[in-house]
Amino acid sequence: MKFRAEIDVMPQKALLDPQGKAVHHGLEGIGLDSIDLVRVGKHITVHLSATTQEEAAAQVDEACKKLLVNPVMEQYHFELFED
């Protein structure tokens, strides 16, 4: 079966987010000062083949843990869809 994983990677909540702070400052600069907080992360789409949804989820989780995410600084969440 073919699957698509949509992975969201964000900075750990306890860490400062300099990119988010810069974007927030920029938004204030263009008059959007009602926005209180901005956090900047990344979105990754992965297409893969697996026998079951559980196997696909395990592959995506392994990819995140071994390569796509720095667990010291980032957290991740993904959704899996049949393609």
C-alpha atoms as a PDB file:
ATOM      1  CA  MET A   1       0.000   0.000   0.000  1.00  0.00           C
ATOM      2  CA  LYS A   2       1.054   3.570  -0.617  1.00  0.00           C
ATOM      3  CA  PHE A   3       0.974   6.127   2.179  1.00  0.00           C
ATOM      4  CA  ARG A   4       1.661   9.809   2.644  1.00  0.00           C
ATOM      5  CA  ALA A   5       2.895  11.192   5.944  1.00  0.00           C
ATOM      6  CA  GLU A   6       2.460  14.871   6.801  1.00  0.00           C
ATOM      7  CA  ILE A   7       5.024  15.677   9.487  1.00  0.00           C
ATOM      8  CA  ASP A   8       5.098  18.884  11.532  1.00  0.00           C
ATOM      9  CA  VAL A   9       8.325  19.689  13.362  1.00  0.00           C
ATOM     10  CA  MET A  10       8.329  22.506  15.903  1.00  0.00           C
ATOM     11  CA  PRO A  11      10.834  23.859  18.419  1.00  0.00           C
ATOM     12  CA  GLN A  12      10.430  22.468  21.935  1.00  0.00           C
ATOM     13  CA  LYS A  13       8.044  24.694  23.874  1.00  0.00           C
ATOM     14  CA  ALA A  14      10.646  25.363  26.573  1.00  0.00           C
ATOM     15  CA  LEU A  15      13.165  26.741  24.062  1.00  0.00           C
ATOM     16  CA  LEU A  16      13.385  30.214  22.601  1.00  0.00           C
ATOM     17  CA  ASP A  17      12.414  30.469  18.940  1.00  0.00           C
ATOM     18  CA  PRO A  18      14.530  33.201  17.304  1.00  0.00           C
ATOM     19  CA  GLN A  19      12.824  32.755  13.917  1.00  0.00           C
ATOM     20  CA  GLY A  20       9.407  33.043  15.509  1.00  0.00           C
ATOM     21  CA  LYS A  21      10.517  36.135  17.400  1.00  0.00           C
ATOM     22  CA  ALA A  22      11.808  37.738  14.180  1.00  0.00           C
ATOM     23  CA  VAL A  23       8.553  36.983  12.355  1.00  0.00           C
ATOM     24  CA  HIS A  24       6.545  38.335  15.291  1.00  0.00           C
ATOM     25  CA  HIS A  25       8.579  41.542  15.221  1.00  0.00           C
ATOM     26  CA  GLY A  26       8.004  41.836  11.467  1.00  0.00           C
ATOM     27  CA  LEU A  27       4.266  41.378  11.896  1.00  0.00           C
ATOM     28  CA  GLU A  28       4.208  44.127  14.513  1.00  0.00           C
ATOM     29  CA  GLY A  29       6.103  46.306  12.048  1.00  0.00           C
ATOM     30  CA  ILE A  30       3.318  46.002   9.477  1.00  0.00           C
ATOM     31  CA  GLY A  31       0.620  46.799  11.993  1.00  0.00           C
ATOM     32  CA  LEU A  32      -0.408  43.283  13.024  1.00  0.00           C
ATOM     33  CA  ASP A  33       0.291  43.823  16.692  1.00  0.00           C
ATOM     34  CA  SER A  34      -2.697  41.795  17.882  1.00  0.00           C
ATOM     35  CA  ILE A  35      -0.685  38.611  17.219  1.00  0.00           C
ATOM     36  CA  ASP A  36       0.779  37.523  20.550  1.00  0.00           C
ATOM     37  CA  LEU A  37       3.132  34.680  19.671  1.00  0.00           C
ATOM     38  CA  VAL A  38       4.706  33.137  16.584  1.00  0.00           C
ATOM     39  CA  ARG A  39       6.528  29.796  16.505  1.00  0.00           C
ATOM     40  CA  VAL A  40       8.270  28.768  13.285  1.00  0.00           C
ATOM     41  CA  GLY A  41       8.784  25.123  12.408  1.00  0.00           C
ATOM     42  CA  LYS A  42       8.914  22.963   9.325  1.00  0.00           C
ATOM     43  CA  HIS A  43       6.495  20.751   7.443  1.00  0.00           C
ATOM     44  CA  ILE A  44       7.723  17.589   5.734  1.00  0.00           C
ATOM     45  CA  THR A  45       5.737  15.365   3.372  1.00  0.00           C
ATOM     46  CA  VAL A  46       6.928  11.775   2.930  1.00  0.00           C
ATOM     47  CA  HIS A  47       5.526   9.230   0.460  1.00  0.00           C
ATOM     48  CA  LEU A  48       6.199   5.592   1.302  1.00  0.00           C
ATOM     49  CA  SER A  49       5.124   2.002   0.735  1.00  0.00           C
ATOM     50  CA  ALA A  50       4.227  -0.366   3.554  1.00  0.00           C
ATOM     51  CA  THR A  51       2.108  -3.471   4.092  1.00  0.00           C
ATOM     52  CA  THR A  52      -0.002  -1.927   6.870  1.00  0.00           C
ATOM     53  CA  GLN A  53      -0.699   1.487   8.335  1.00  0.00           C
ATOM     54  CA  GLU A  54       1.104   0.449  11.526  1.00  0.00           C
ATOM     55  CA  GLU A  55       4.226  -0.460   9.529  1.00  0.00           C
ATOM     56  CA  ALA A  56       4.075   2.870   7.688  1.00  0.00           C
ATOM     57  CA  ALA A  57       3.733   4.745  10.991  1.00  0.00           C
ATOM     58  CA  ALA A  58       6.726   2.867  12.402  1.00  0.00           C
ATOM     59  CA  GLN A  59       8.822   3.797   9.338  1.00  0.00           C
ATOM     60  CA  VAL A  60       7.874   7.465   9.599  1.00  0.00           C
ATOM     61  CA  ASP A  61       8.547   7.496  13.342  1.00  0.00           C
ATOM     62  CA  GLU A  62      11.975   5.951  12.761  1.00  0.00           C
ATOM     63  CA  ALA A  63      12.783   8.507  10.030  1.00  0.00           C
ATOM     64  CA  CYS A  64      11.836  11.325  12.391  1.00  0.00           C
ATOM     65  CA  LYS A  65      13.867   9.979  15.287  1.00  0.00           C
ATOM     66  CA  LYS A  66      16.961   9.109  13.231  1.00  0.00           C
ATOM     67  CA  LEU A  67      17.155  11.961  10.731  1.00  0.00           C
ATOM     68  CA  LEU A  68      14.346  14.479  10.404  1.00  0.00           C
ATOM     69  CA  VAL A  69      14.077  15.768  13.980  1.00  0.00           C
ATOM     70  CA  ASN A  70      16.603  16.905  16.562  1.00  0.00           C
ATOM     71  CA  PRO A  71      14.882  15.659  19.750  1.00  0.00           C
ATOM     72  CA  VAL A  72      16.964  17.964  21.956  1.00  0.00           C
ATOM     73  CA  MET A  73      15.532  21.048  20.259  1.00  0.00           C
ATOM     74  CA  GLU A  74      12.432  19.887  18.380  1.00  0.00           C
ATOM     75  CA  GLN A  75       9.230  17.930  18.784  1.00  0.00           C
ATOM     76  CA  TYR A  76       7.191  16.345  16.011  1.00  0.00           C
ATOM     77  CA  HIS A  77       3.739  15.098  15.149  1.00  0.00           C
ATOM     78  CA  PHE A  78       2.611  13.328  11.995  1.00  0.00           C
ATOM     79  CA  GLU A  79      -0.545  12.184  10.288  1.00  0.00           C
ATOM     80  CA  LEU A  80      -0.661   9.262   7.918  1.00  0.00           C
ATOM     81  CA  PHE A  81      -2.920   9.026   4.864  1.00  0.00           C
ATOM     82  CA  GLU A  82      -3.480   6.309   2.286  1.00  0.00           C
ATOM     83  CA  ASP A  83      -2.271   7.574  -1.063  1.00  0.00           C
END
